[in-house]
Protein backbone atom coordinates (compact mmCIF):
# COMPACT_ATOMS: atom_id res chain seq x y z
CA UNK A 1 0.22 -0.10 -0.03
CA UNK A 2 1.31 3.39 -1.07
CA UNK A 3 2.84 5.61 2.33
CA UNK A 4 0.39 8.35 1.65
CA UNK A 5 -2.89 6.11 1.57
CA UNK A 6 -4.56 6.41 5.16
CA UNK A 7 -8.10 4.53 5.78
CA UNK A 8 -10.06 4.45 8.66
CA UNK A 9 -11.88 1.43 9.20
CA UNK A 10 -14.62 2.02 11.58
CA UNK A 11 -16.12 -0.82 13.72
CA UNK A 12 -14.53 -3.69 11.98
CA UNK A 13 -16.48 -6.45 13.43
CA UNK A 14 -15.98 -10.06 13.56
CA UNK A 15 -19.12 -11.90 14.42
CA UNK A 16 -17.56 -15.19 13.93
CA UNK A 17 -14.11 -16.76 12.47
CA UNK A 18 -15.01 -17.46 9.11
CA UNK A 19 -13.23 -20.96 7.25
CA UNK A 20 -10.90 -20.55 4.61
CA UNK A 21 -11.13 -21.30 1.41
CA UNK A 22 -8.62 -24.56 2.12
CA UNK A 23 -11.31 -25.63 4.58
CA UNK A 24 -14.20 -25.29 2.22
CA UNK A 25 -14.60 -26.88 -1.29
CA UNK A 26 -15.44 -24.56 -4.16
CA UNK A 27 -18.44 -25.20 -5.81
CA UNK A 28 -18.66 -24.75 -9.54
CA UNK A 29 -21.36 -23.77 -11.73
CA UNK A 30 -22.29 -27.65 -11.99
CA UNK A 31 -22.76 -27.64 -8.57
CA UNK A 32 -25.48 -24.97 -8.22
CA UNK A 33 -28.95 -25.26 -8.42
CA UNK A 34 -30.28 -21.84 -6.20
CA UNK A 35 -30.31 -18.11 -6.36
CA UNK A 36 -29.92 -15.28 -3.56
CA UNK A 37 -31.40 -11.85 -4.46
CA UNK A 38 -30.33 -9.22 -1.81
CA UNK A 39 -31.92 -5.83 -1.80
CA UNK A 40 -33.10 -3.02 0.49
CA UNK A 41 -36.06 -1.41 1.45
CA UNK A 42 -37.00 2.32 1.90
CA UNK A 43 -39.05 1.56 4.90
CA UNK A 44 -36.26 0.49 6.97
CA UNK A 45 -32.97 0.92 5.22
CA UNK A 46 -31.63 -2.76 5.91
CA UNK A 47 -30.73 -5.64 4.11
CA UNK A 48 -33.05 -8.40 2.67
CA UNK A 49 -33.04 -11.44 0.89
CA UNK A 50 -34.88 -13.86 -1.25
CA UNK A 51 -34.44 -17.00 -2.70
CA UNK A 52 -35.41 -18.54 -6.05
CA UNK A 53 -34.60 -22.38 -7.28
CA UNK A 54 -35.59 -21.58 -11.00
CA UNK A 55 -34.75 -17.91 -11.02
CA UNK A 56 -38.48 -16.66 -11.98
CA UNK A 57 -40.30 -17.41 -8.47
CA UNK A 58 -38.80 -15.88 -5.39
CA UNK A 59 -39.62 -16.07 -1.91
CA UNK A 60 -38.12 -13.77 0.78
CA UNK A 61 -36.29 -15.11 3.67
CA UNK A 62 -37.60 -14.17 7.07
CA UNK A 63 -41.09 -13.14 5.74
CA UNK A 64 -39.46 -9.74 4.39
CA UNK A 65 -38.10 -8.61 7.27
CA UNK A 66 -34.77 -7.31 7.46
CA UNK A 67 -31.93 -10.00 7.48
CA UNK A 68 -29.14 -7.59 8.83
CA UNK A 69 -30.47 -4.09 10.30
CA UNK A 70 -29.10 -0.83 8.70
CA UNK A 71 -28.58 0.90 11.89
CA UNK A 72 -26.68 -1.97 13.41
CA UNK A 73 -23.97 -1.74 10.69
CA UNK A 74 -23.77 1.80 9.12
CA UNK A 75 -22.32 4.87 9.88
CA UNK A 76 -25.28 6.67 8.89
CA UNK A 77 -27.34 4.24 10.58
CA UNK A 78 -28.88 2.75 7.29
CA UNK A 79 -27.75 1.02 4.41
CA UNK A 80 -29.13 0.91 0.50
CA UNK A 81 -27.79 -0.41 -2.85
CA UNK A 82 -26.58 -3.89 -1.51
CA UNK A 83 -24.86 -5.90 -3.79
CA UNK A 84 -23.72 -10.03 -3.61
CA UNK A 85 -20.94 -11.36 -5.32
CA UNK A 86 -19.55 -14.88 -5.41
CA UNK A 87 -16.01 -14.81 -5.32
CA UNK A 88 -13.41 -17.67 -6.40
CA UNK A 89 -12.92 -18.60 -2.78
CA UNK A 90 -16.56 -19.76 -2.70
CA UNK A 91 -17.15 -16.70 -0.14
CA UNK A 92 -19.80 -14.40 -0.23
CA UNK A 93 -18.85 -10.78 -0.94
CA UNK A 94 -21.76 -8.25 0.27
CA UNK A 95 -21.05 -4.37 -0.44
CA UNK A 96 -23.64 -1.39 0.52
CA UNK A 97 -23.98 1.84 0.21
CA UNK A 98 -23.52 3.49 4.08
CA UNK A 99 -26.43 6.21 3.73
CA UNK A 100 -30.17 7.03 5.42
CA UNK A 101 -32.14 8.77 3.19
CA UNK A 102 -34.47 10.32 5.65
CA UNK A 103 -34.25 13.66 8.04
CA UNK A 104 -36.40 13.72 10.98
CA UNK A 105 -38.68 16.14 9.34
CA UNK A 106 -38.97 13.91 6.36
CA UNK A 107 -40.17 10.92 8.86
CA UNK A 108 -42.52 13.39 10.63
CA UNK A 109 -44.18 13.48 7.31
CA UNK A 110 -43.92 9.62 7.15
CA UNK A 111 -45.28 8.21 10.24
CA UNK A 112 -44.53 4.53 9.82
CA UNK A 113 -40.85 5.61 9.99
CA UNK A 114 -40.74 7.72 12.84
CA UNK A 115 -39.18 5.51 15.26
CA UNK A 116 -35.86 6.25 13.09
CA UNK A 117 -36.03 9.83 13.47
CA UNK A 118 -33.80 10.49 16.08
CA UNK A 119 -30.68 9.24 13.40
CA UNK A 120 -30.36 13.32 12.02
CA UNK A 121 -32.03 16.20 12.52
CA UNK A 122 -30.75 18.14 9.43
CA UNK A 123 -31.77 17.08 5.54
CA UNK A 124 -28.48 15.51 4.88
CA UNK A 125 -25.23 14.49 7.11
CA UNK A 126 -23.83 17.50 5.60
CA UNK A 127 -25.10 20.74 3.85
CA UNK A 128 -26.89 20.02 0.70
CA UNK A 129 -25.70 23.29 -1.34
CA UNK A 130 -22.13 22.05 -0.41
CA UNK A 131 -22.12 18.25 -1.01
CA UNK A 132 -25.35 17.61 -2.71
CA UNK A 133 -28.24 15.44 -2.60
CA UNK A 134 -27.95 12.06 -0.83
CA UNK A 135 -24.31 12.91 0.58
CA UNK A 136 -22.38 9.87 2.17
CA UNK A 137 -18.61 8.86 2.68
CA UNK A 138 -18.63 5.68 3.14
CA UNK A 139 -19.39 2.03 2.08
CA UNK A 140 -20.41 -1.68 4.21
CA UNK A 141 -18.30 -4.25 3.20
CA UNK A 142 -19.33 -7.80 4.86
CA UNK A 143 -18.01 -11.27 3.44
CA UNK A 144 -19.57 -14.78 4.82
CA UNK A 145 -19.25 -18.39 3.62
CA UNK A 146 -22.64 -19.20 4.72
CA UNK A 147 -24.76 -16.26 4.33
CA UNK A 148 -25.56 -16.26 8.00
CA UNK A 149 -22.07 -15.61 9.71
CA UNK A 150 -20.51 -12.39 8.67
CA UNK A 151 -17.28 -10.46 9.25
CA UNK A 152 -17.73 -6.49 8.31
CA UNK A 153 -15.76 -3.29 7.67
CA UNK A 154 -16.66 0.29 7.28
CA UNK A 155 -15.00 2.50 4.56
CA UNK A 156 -14.86 6.02 5.31
CA UNK A 157 -13.41 7.55 2.01
CA UNK A 158 -13.42 10.98 3.60
CA UNK A 159 -10.45 9.98 5.58
CA UNK A 160 -8.10 8.89 2.72
CA UNK A 161 -5.12 11.41 2.00
CA UNK A 162 -4.29 9.99 -1.31
CA UNK A 163 -5.15 12.43 -4.45
CA UNK A 164 -8.59 12.15 -6.20
CA UNK A 165 -7.28 13.30 -9.30
CA UNK A 166 -10.13 15.39 -9.45
CA UNK A 167 -9.91 19.60 -9.73
CA UNK A 168 -12.13 22.37 -9.17
CA UNK A 169 -13.07 24.80 -11.56
CA UNK A 170 -10.15 26.93 -10.64
CA UNK A 171 -7.79 23.72 -11.01
CA UNK A 172 -7.15 23.26 -7.60
CA UNK A 173 -7.01 19.71 -6.45
CA UNK A 174 -9.87 18.23 -4.58
CA UNK A 175 -8.95 16.26 -1.73
CA UNK A 176 -10.92 13.07 -0.50
CA UNK A 177 -12.54 14.83 2.70
CA UNK A 178 -14.53 16.81 0.27
CA UNK A 179 -16.27 13.38 -1.25
CA UNK A 180 -20.04 14.16 -2.09
CA UNK A 181 -21.31 10.51 -2.55
CA UNK A 182 -19.85 6.89 -2.32
CA UNK A 183 -23.00 5.29 -3.60
CA UNK A 184 -23.76 1.52 -5.26
CA UNK A 185 -20.62 -0.49 -4.50
CA UNK A 186 -20.18 -3.58 -6.48
CA UNK A 187 -17.57 -6.53 -6.47
CA UNK A 188 -15.81 -8.03 -9.03
CA UNK A 189 -12.62 -10.39 -9.37
CA UNK A 190 -9.78 -8.98 -11.40
CA UNK A 191 -8.03 -12.25 -12.34
CA UNK A 192 -5.06 -10.80 -13.98
CA UNK A 193 -4.73 -8.64 -11.12
CA UNK A 194 -5.31 -11.61 -8.37
CA UNK A 195 -7.82 -9.13 -6.25
CA UNK A 196 -11.31 -8.50 -5.48
CA UNK A 197 -12.21 -4.70 -7.12
CA UNK A 198 -14.82 -2.74 -5.71
CA UNK A 199 -16.51 -0.29 -8.21
CA UNK A 200 -18.70 2.33 -6.97
CA UNK A 201 -20.59 5.85 -8.16
CA UNK A 202 -18.76 9.04 -6.52
CA UNK A 203 -18.44 12.86 -6.87
CA UNK A 204 -16.48 15.70 -5.11
CA UNK A 205 -18.35 17.66 -3.15
CA UNK A 206 -21.61 18.59 -5.38
CA UNK A 207 -19.85 17.99 -8.59
CA UNK A 208 -20.71 15.46 -11.48
CA UNK A 209 -21.27 11.85 -10.43
CA UNK A 210 -18.68 8.95 -11.96
CA UNK A 211 -17.44 5.16 -11.06
CA UNK A 212 -14.40 4.93 -9.28
CA UNK A 213 -12.77 1.33 -8.43
CA UNK A 214 -10.50 0.28 -6.07
CA UNK A 215 -9.05 -2.91 -4.95
CA UNK A 216 -9.46 -5.00 -1.45
CA UNK A 217 -7.83 -7.68 0.14
CA UNK A 218 -9.20 -11.48 0.02
CA UNK A 219 -10.25 -10.90 3.76
CA UNK A 220 -12.71 -7.57 2.46
CA UNK A 221 -11.03 -5.56 5.22
CA UNK A 222 -8.69 -3.32 3.55
CA UNK A 223 -7.71 -1.45 0.42
CA UNK A 224 -4.74 -2.39 -1.66
CA UNK A 225 -4.79 0.70 -3.86
CA UNK A 226 -5.83 4.14 -4.42
CA UNK A 227 -9.30 4.50 -5.76
CA UNK A 228 -9.01 5.89 -9.57
CA UNK A 229 -11.49 6.39 -12.13
CA UNK A 230 -13.10 4.02 -14.19
CA UNK A 231 -15.90 5.38 -15.84
CA UNK A 232 -17.53 8.74 -16.90
CA UNK A 233 -19.73 10.26 -19.30
CA UNK A 234 -17.97 11.79 -22.53
CA UNK A 235 -16.68 15.16 -22.03
CA UNK A 236 -18.66 18.54 -23.24
CA UNK A 237 -16.57 20.96 -25.02
CA UNK A 238 -15.09 22.27 -21.83
CA UNK A 239 -13.71 19.24 -21.32
CA UNK A 240 -15.49 18.04 -18.41
CA UNK A 241 -18.19 15.08 -18.21
CA UNK A 242 -21.77 16.17 -19.82
CA UNK A 243 -23.67 14.28 -17.44
CA UNK A 244 -23.56 12.13 -14.46
CA UNK A 245 -23.39 8.60 -14.93
CA UNK A 246 -23.98 5.49 -11.80
CA UNK A 247 -25.03 2.36 -10.86
CA UNK A 248 -22.42 0.38 -12.58
CA UNK A 249 -22.51 -3.28 -13.05
CA UNK A 250 -19.46 -5.42 -14.66
CA UNK A 251 -20.20 -9.09 -15.15
CA UNK A 252 -17.33 -10.90 -17.87
CA UNK A 253 -18.20 -13.29 -20.49
CA UNK A 254 -15.95 -14.71 -22.54
CA UNK A 255 -12.88 -12.60 -22.68
CA UNK A 256 -15.62 -9.38 -23.04
CA UNK A 257 -16.22 -6.99 -19.76
CA UNK A 258 -19.90 -5.84 -20.07
CA UNK A 259 -20.48 -2.88 -18.11
CA UNK A 260 -24.21 -1.62 -17.46
CA UNK A 261 -24.63 1.72 -15.97
CA UNK A 262 -27.35 4.53 -15.76
CA UNK A 263 -26.86 7.48 -17.89
CA UNK A 264 -28.42 10.69 -16.62
CA UNK A 265 -27.87 12.69 -20.24
CA UNK A 266 -31.66 12.91 -20.24
CA UNK A 267 -33.90 10.99 -18.03
CA UNK A 268 -32.38 7.93 -15.94
CA UNK A 269 -31.62 5.30 -18.50
CA UNK A 270 -29.23 2.04 -18.27
CA UNK A 271 -26.58 1.80 -21.16
CA UNK A 272 -24.08 -0.65 -21.78
CA UNK A 273 -20.39 -0.76 -22.59
CA UNK A 274 -17.74 -3.31 -23.42
CA UNK A 275 -14.12 -3.67 -22.67
CA UNK A 276 -11.19 -6.11 -23.09
CA UNK A 277 -9.90 -5.25 -19.49
CA UNK A 278 -11.78 -4.70 -16.55
CA UNK A 279 -10.73 -1.08 -15.53
CA UNK A 280 -11.62 0.00 -19.42
CA UNK A 281 -11.77 1.77 -21.50
CA UNK A 282 -15.09 1.23 -22.06
CA UNK A 283 -16.82 1.66 -25.11
CA UNK A 284 -20.26 2.77 -25.37
CA UNK A 285 -22.61 0.31 -27.40
CA UNK A 286 -25.22 2.91 -28.68
CA UNK A 287 -27.59 0.18 -29.83
CA UNK A 288 -28.76 -0.98 -26.41
CA UNK A 289 -32.07 -0.27 -25.48
CA UNK A 290 -34.05 -2.68 -22.70
CA UNK A 291 -37.45 -1.09 -24.05
CA UNK A 292 -38.26 0.68 -20.89
CA UNK A 293 -39.13 4.22 -21.55
CA UNK A 294 -39.53 5.13 -17.69
CA UNK A 295 -36.48 6.07 -15.75
CA UNK A 296 -35.06 3.35 -13.98
CA UNK A 297 -31.46 2.64 -12.44
CA UNK A 298 -29.57 -0.15 -10.21
CA UNK A 299 -28.79 -2.20 -13.20
CA UNK A 300 -27.82 -5.99 -12.29
CA UNK A 301 -26.73 -8.55 -15.05
CA UNK A 302 -26.52 -12.55 -13.59
CA UNK A 303 -26.44 -15.70 -15.63
CA UNK A 304 -29.18 -18.51 -15.43
CA UNK A 305 -27.53 -21.49 -14.25
CA UNK A 306 -26.67 -23.94 -16.83
CA UNK A 307 -27.76 -22.07 -19.83
CA UNK A 308 -26.00 -19.38 -22.01
CA UNK A 309 -28.65 -16.86 -20.75
CA UNK A 310 -28.07 -13.65 -18.82
CA UNK A 311 -30.78 -11.40 -17.41
CA UNK A 312 -30.31 -7.66 -16.66
CA UNK A 313 -32.44 -6.91 -13.47
CA UNK A 314 -32.94 -3.16 -12.47
CA UNK A 315 -34.96 -0.64 -10.45
CA UNK A 316 -38.04 0.79 -12.11
CA UNK A 317 -38.75 3.87 -9.35
CA UNK A 318 -40.87 5.81 -11.80
CA UNK A 319 -43.60 3.00 -11.69
CA UNK A 320 -45.85 3.21 -8.94
CA UNK A 321 -45.66 1.15 -6.93
CA UNK A 322 -41.97 1.02 -7.90
CA UNK A 323 -40.77 -2.47 -9.38
CA UNK A 324 -38.00 -4.60 -10.83
CA UNK A 325 -37.96 -5.09 -14.41
CA UNK A 326 -36.14 -7.65 -16.49
CA UNK A 327 -34.57 -8.21 -19.59
CA UNK A 328 -32.72 -11.37 -21.02
CA UNK A 329 -29.97 -11.99 -24.13
CA UNK A 330 -28.07 -14.76 -25.01
CA UNK A 331 -25.43 -12.42 -26.84
CA UNK A 332 -25.40 -9.24 -25.38
CA UNK A 333 -26.45 -7.76 -28.88
CA UNK A 334 -30.31 -8.66 -28.46
CA UNK A 335 -31.91 -7.62 -25.60
CA UNK A 336 -35.43 -9.50 -24.94
CA UNK A 337 -37.81 -7.51 -22.44
CA UNK A 338 -39.42 -9.41 -19.94
CA UNK A 339 -41.18 -6.71 -17.92
CA UNK A 340 -42.14 -6.31 -14.29
CA UNK A 341 -42.16 -8.42 -11.29
CA UNK A 342 -46.06 -10.06 -11.65
CA UNK A 343 -47.42 -8.90 -14.50
CA UNK A 344 -49.29 -10.23 -16.82
CA UNK A 345 -47.57 -12.79 -19.01
CA UNK A 346 -44.10 -12.08 -17.40
CA UNK A 347 -42.43 -15.36 -16.02
CA UNK A 348 -40.98 -13.33 -12.97
CA UNK A 349 -42.85 -13.79 -9.75
CA UNK A 350 -42.66 -12.71 -6.25
CA UNK A 351 -44.29 -14.59 -3.39
CA UNK A 352 -44.32 -12.54 -0.24
CA UNK A 353 -42.53 -9.05 -1.19
CA UNK A 354 -42.98 -5.72 -2.67
CA UNK A 355 -41.24 -2.33 -2.65
CA UNK A 356 -37.99 -3.92 -3.16
CA UNK A 357 -35.08 -1.44 -4.18
CA UNK A 358 -31.66 -2.12 -5.80
CA UNK A 359 -31.11 -6.03 -5.92
CA UNK A 360 -28.54 -7.93 -6.91
CA UNK A 361 -28.22 -12.14 -7.47
CA UNK A 362 -25.65 -14.85 -7.03
CA UNK A 363 -25.96 -18.39 -7.41
CA UNK A 364 -26.18 -21.17 -4.60
CA UNK A 365 -26.01 -24.62 -4.23
CA UNK A 366 -29.37 -26.19 -3.42
CA UNK A 367 -27.85 -27.45 -0.01
CA UNK A 368 -27.11 -23.58 0.85
CA UNK A 369 -30.28 -22.35 -0.34
CA UNK A 370 -32.01 -24.99 2.40
CA UNK A 371 -29.98 -24.21 5.06
CA UNK A 372 -30.82 -20.39 4.90
CA UNK A 373 -34.77 -21.50 4.54
CA UNK A 374 -34.03 -23.85 7.67
CA UNK A 375 -32.11 -20.92 9.93
CA UNK A 376 -34.55 -18.33 9.35
CA UNK A 377 -37.53 -20.48 9.53
CA UNK A 378 -36.09 -21.38 13.36
CA UNK A 379 -35.75 -17.86 13.88
C-alpha cells in the first residue's frame, strides 16, 4: 500500500471466525441449483434477501423482514444498494452504500418511519448546498461463507489522504475529505491483478457523478490501492463530463467485460458498454435498448445456471409502486424485454415481498439455499 494512503476502518466487526477457502470446497456452476437475491427497502434502510430455485419464482427469507438491520452496521444508521458477489474462494462478498435518506423532518411526514427520526435532525449529514443530494462518504463491506455468519468493515473515504485526481473549476485539487457521495458499490474479481475490485459511484462535493474503483484484500477488510477513475460520461466542449453516470455493474462473458450503468444524459436510462480490460477503457454500445421508456436504475446482470442466458435486472422507480424489471440476452447484442415482477404474461414472480429496491443476484447450491430456509424458519 502506498505510504500516502490512509484509511479509517470503523467498527470492524467479526461475528465469528470464517472458514478459509482451504477448509471449504469451492463449488462450480455445475454444483449450483438456486439463487440468492439481496435488496433494501426504503421503509427500514436494511438488508433483505430472497431465494429462487428456478430463477423465476422468488420468496423472501424471514417473511421479508430485515436479514441485517442497517442501523446496526452503518455510520449513517442505514444501508442502501446492496450487491452480492460470489468470489473464486466460494465466499460471498456483500457491498452496500452507507446512507440514510431521511431526516427527522421527513420521518415526521411519514409516520410509519417515525421510530427512526432520532438519527439525524438535518436534511443530510452535511449541507446539501455544498455536498449535494444524498451525500455520504462510506461503504459497508461484509463477507461470509454461509450467508449467516459475517465479518464487517466500514470504509470512510473522507479519511483518505491520497489524491482524488479531480480538480475544481479553478484547477485546484479536491481532496477525499470533500467527497460528496460513495454509492452503489459492486464487487468483481480481477483475475489479471489477482484481487477483488470494488467499483462505486462517486462525486466530489456537489459535482458530477462518475465511477471509481479500488482493489481490496481477500478478507474484504482493507484497500490495496488508491481509488481511481473507471468510467465517466463523454466530455463536453469544456473538457468535463457532459452528464452524470451512476450505478455501475460489471460482468465478464468470455474475454469481454460488460458494463451496465445509468446515464443521466436525459432521463435515467440504463446503458451498455464493453471492454477487454476490467478497468477499461469501455466503448459505449449505442444500440443497446432495454425497451423501458420510464426512468430506471440499478442494473444487475446475472446468469441463469446451466444456460447461456443472462438477465439484466433493474429498479424501475418511476412506476408506482416501484418494481424490478427484467430483460434477457444470449449474445449481449439482442435483448428481450421480459417486463416487471408479477405483470401479466411475465414469468418473474414474487410470493411474499413488494417495494424492493436496488437488487442483485448470485448463485447458490441447493444445500446452501435449504440451510438458509431452515435457519430463518427457526428464527
